[in-house]
Protein backbone atom coordinates (compact mmCIF):
# COMPACT_ATOMS: atom_id res chain seq x y z
CA MET A 1 129.32 -27.05 -83.05
CA SER A 2 130.08 -29.51 -85.82
CA LYS A 3 130.60 -33.08 -84.69
CA GLN A 4 133.74 -33.16 -86.85
CA ILE A 5 135.51 -30.59 -84.67
CA ASN A 6 137.77 -32.17 -82.04
CA GLN A 7 137.62 -35.58 -83.72
CA GLY A 8 140.70 -37.72 -84.27
CA ILE A 9 142.93 -35.85 -81.83
CA GLU A 10 145.06 -38.88 -81.02
CA SER A 11 145.55 -39.65 -84.71
CA ILE A 12 146.47 -36.04 -85.50
CA LEU A 13 149.13 -36.06 -82.79
CA LYS A 14 150.53 -39.45 -83.80
CA LYS A 15 150.74 -38.69 -87.53
CA SER A 16 152.16 -35.18 -87.23
CA LYS A 17 155.79 -34.12 -87.06
CA ARG A 18 155.95 -30.38 -87.97
CA ILE A 19 153.91 -27.92 -85.95
CA ALA A 20 153.84 -24.20 -86.67
CA VAL A 21 152.98 -22.31 -83.48
CA VAL A 22 151.31 -19.02 -84.41
CA GLY A 23 151.68 -16.45 -81.67
CA LEU A 24 154.57 -18.22 -79.96
CA SER A 25 155.97 -15.94 -77.26
CA ASP A 26 159.65 -15.71 -76.34
CA SER A 27 158.65 -15.41 -72.66
CA PRO A 28 159.08 -18.66 -70.72
CA PHE A 29 156.15 -17.59 -68.55
CA ARG A 30 153.63 -17.55 -71.42
CA PRO A 31 151.53 -20.68 -72.15
CA SER A 32 152.57 -20.71 -75.83
CA ASN A 33 156.23 -20.95 -74.85
CA GLN A 34 155.58 -23.66 -72.26
CA VAL A 35 153.53 -25.72 -74.72
CA ALA A 36 156.13 -25.35 -77.48
CA ARG A 37 158.95 -26.42 -75.15
CA TYR A 38 156.94 -29.48 -74.14
CA LEU A 39 156.30 -30.39 -77.80
CA ILE A 40 159.99 -30.00 -78.61
CA ASP A 41 160.81 -32.32 -75.71
CA MET A 42 158.33 -34.82 -77.15
CA GLY A 43 160.17 -34.84 -80.49
CA TYR A 44 158.06 -32.52 -82.63
CA ASP A 45 159.63 -30.05 -85.06
CA ILE A 46 158.30 -26.73 -83.76
CA ILE A 47 158.28 -23.70 -86.03
CA PRO A 48 157.73 -20.35 -84.29
CA VAL A 49 155.46 -17.87 -86.08
CA ASN A 50 155.89 -14.41 -84.60
CA PRO A 51 156.88 -11.38 -86.69
CA GLY A 52 158.38 -9.65 -83.65
CA HIS A 53 161.26 -12.10 -83.18
CA GLU A 54 164.02 -13.57 -85.34
CA THR A 55 164.38 -16.63 -83.10
CA ILE A 56 162.35 -18.23 -80.32
CA LEU A 57 163.44 -21.31 -78.39
CA GLU A 58 166.64 -21.33 -80.49
CA ARG A 59 164.58 -21.81 -83.67
CA LYS A 60 164.13 -19.43 -86.57
CA SER A 61 160.89 -17.50 -86.18
CA TYR A 62 158.83 -16.69 -89.26
CA PRO A 63 156.64 -13.61 -89.70
CA ASP A 64 153.73 -15.66 -91.11
CA LEU A 65 152.74 -19.13 -92.27
CA LYS A 66 153.51 -18.46 -95.94
CA SER A 67 157.16 -17.76 -95.10
CA ILE A 68 157.77 -21.27 -93.73
CA PRO A 69 159.54 -23.60 -96.16
CA GLY A 70 158.21 -27.14 -96.54
CA LYS A 71 155.03 -28.82 -95.40
CA ILE A 72 153.35 -28.16 -92.07
CA ASP A 73 151.25 -30.82 -90.38
CA ILE A 74 149.55 -28.72 -87.68
CA VAL A 75 149.06 -25.00 -87.23
CA ASP A 76 148.72 -24.48 -83.47
CA VAL A 77 147.15 -21.07 -82.80
CA PHE A 78 147.75 -18.87 -79.76
CA ARG A 79 146.04 -15.74 -81.11
CA ARG A 80 142.80 -13.94 -80.31
CA ARG A 81 139.59 -14.72 -82.16
CA GLU A 82 139.80 -11.75 -84.51
CA HIS A 83 142.96 -13.21 -86.07
CA ILE A 84 141.67 -16.75 -86.62
CA ALA A 85 139.88 -16.32 -89.97
CA GLY A 86 143.03 -15.03 -91.67
CA ILE A 87 145.18 -17.77 -90.15
CA VAL A 88 142.70 -20.43 -91.31
CA ASP A 89 142.62 -18.95 -94.83
CA THR A 90 146.41 -19.12 -95.03
CA ALA A 91 146.50 -22.65 -93.56
CA ILE A 92 144.06 -23.79 -96.25
CA GLU A 93 146.08 -22.05 -98.97
CA ILE A 94 149.39 -23.68 -97.99
CA GLY A 95 147.92 -27.17 -97.56
CA VAL A 96 148.14 -27.72 -93.83
CA LYS A 97 146.60 -30.96 -92.56
CA ALA A 98 145.19 -29.68 -89.26
CA ILE A 99 144.37 -26.43 -87.49
CA TRP A 100 144.54 -26.46 -83.70
CA LEU A 101 142.96 -23.60 -81.76
CA GLN A 102 144.25 -23.55 -78.18
CA LEU A 103 142.16 -23.35 -75.01
CA GLY A 104 139.97 -20.28 -75.08
CA VAL A 105 140.41 -19.79 -78.84
CA VAL A 106 137.04 -20.30 -80.51
CA ASP A 107 135.83 -19.28 -83.96
CA GLU A 108 133.02 -21.52 -85.21
CA LYS A 109 132.84 -19.92 -88.66
CA ALA A 110 136.58 -20.27 -89.31
CA ALA A 111 136.56 -23.83 -87.95
CA LEU A 112 133.74 -24.83 -90.31
CA LYS A 113 135.56 -23.22 -93.25
CA ALA A 114 138.66 -25.28 -92.39
CA LEU A 115 136.59 -28.47 -92.16
CA GLU A 116 134.96 -27.77 -95.51
CA ALA A 117 138.42 -27.34 -97.03
CA GLY A 118 139.43 -30.79 -95.73
CA LEU A 119 141.49 -29.83 -92.69
CA GLN A 120 141.09 -31.55 -89.38
CA VAL A 121 140.08 -29.06 -86.70
CA VAL A 122 140.68 -29.00 -82.97
CA MET A 123 139.22 -26.04 -81.11
CA ASP A 124 139.36 -24.82 -77.51
CA ARG A 125 141.77 -27.58 -76.49
CA CYS A 126 145.39 -27.51 -75.34
CA ILE A 127 147.72 -29.61 -77.49
CA LYS A 128 149.99 -30.30 -74.48
CA ILE A 129 147.09 -31.53 -72.33
CA GLU A 130 145.76 -33.70 -75.16
CA HIS A 131 149.21 -35.14 -75.86
CA ARG A 132 149.58 -36.11 -72.21
CA ARG A 133 146.04 -37.49 -72.10
CA PHE A 134 146.75 -39.93 -74.91
CA GLN A 135 150.24 -40.70 -73.56
CA ILE A 136 151.71 -40.54 -77.01
CA GLU A 137 155.26 -41.85 -77.12
CA SER A 138 158.07 -39.52 -78.06
CA LYS A 139 159.07 -39.64 -81.68
């Protein structure tokens, strides 16, 4: 694995404000929903990305990353490995600063492509756990 993957996590979290959560579930029992609620409580602007829902967590849900207006700082991914390459390609295309692949989500090839395109990459880590680890103050 590239030494650049999982570098600068604290900085990514401190500098970011808008996080698109790809694969955000409307079920409060799913990890994606629990993580998104935590991030909202911490002051982040969470943008649900799930084509199956119009709203999640009282926020407009978008069918894909390209549909989101404005800049996105982090794309937080709760999807299986086979979906990662396409998500990374879109994240690069729309100028995202960082791609975050949640615990258990690993795609070395897609991660290296994102790094080569200038994105910061976090892989196989939970954004909620990392946020708590660094004890980042609410925004």
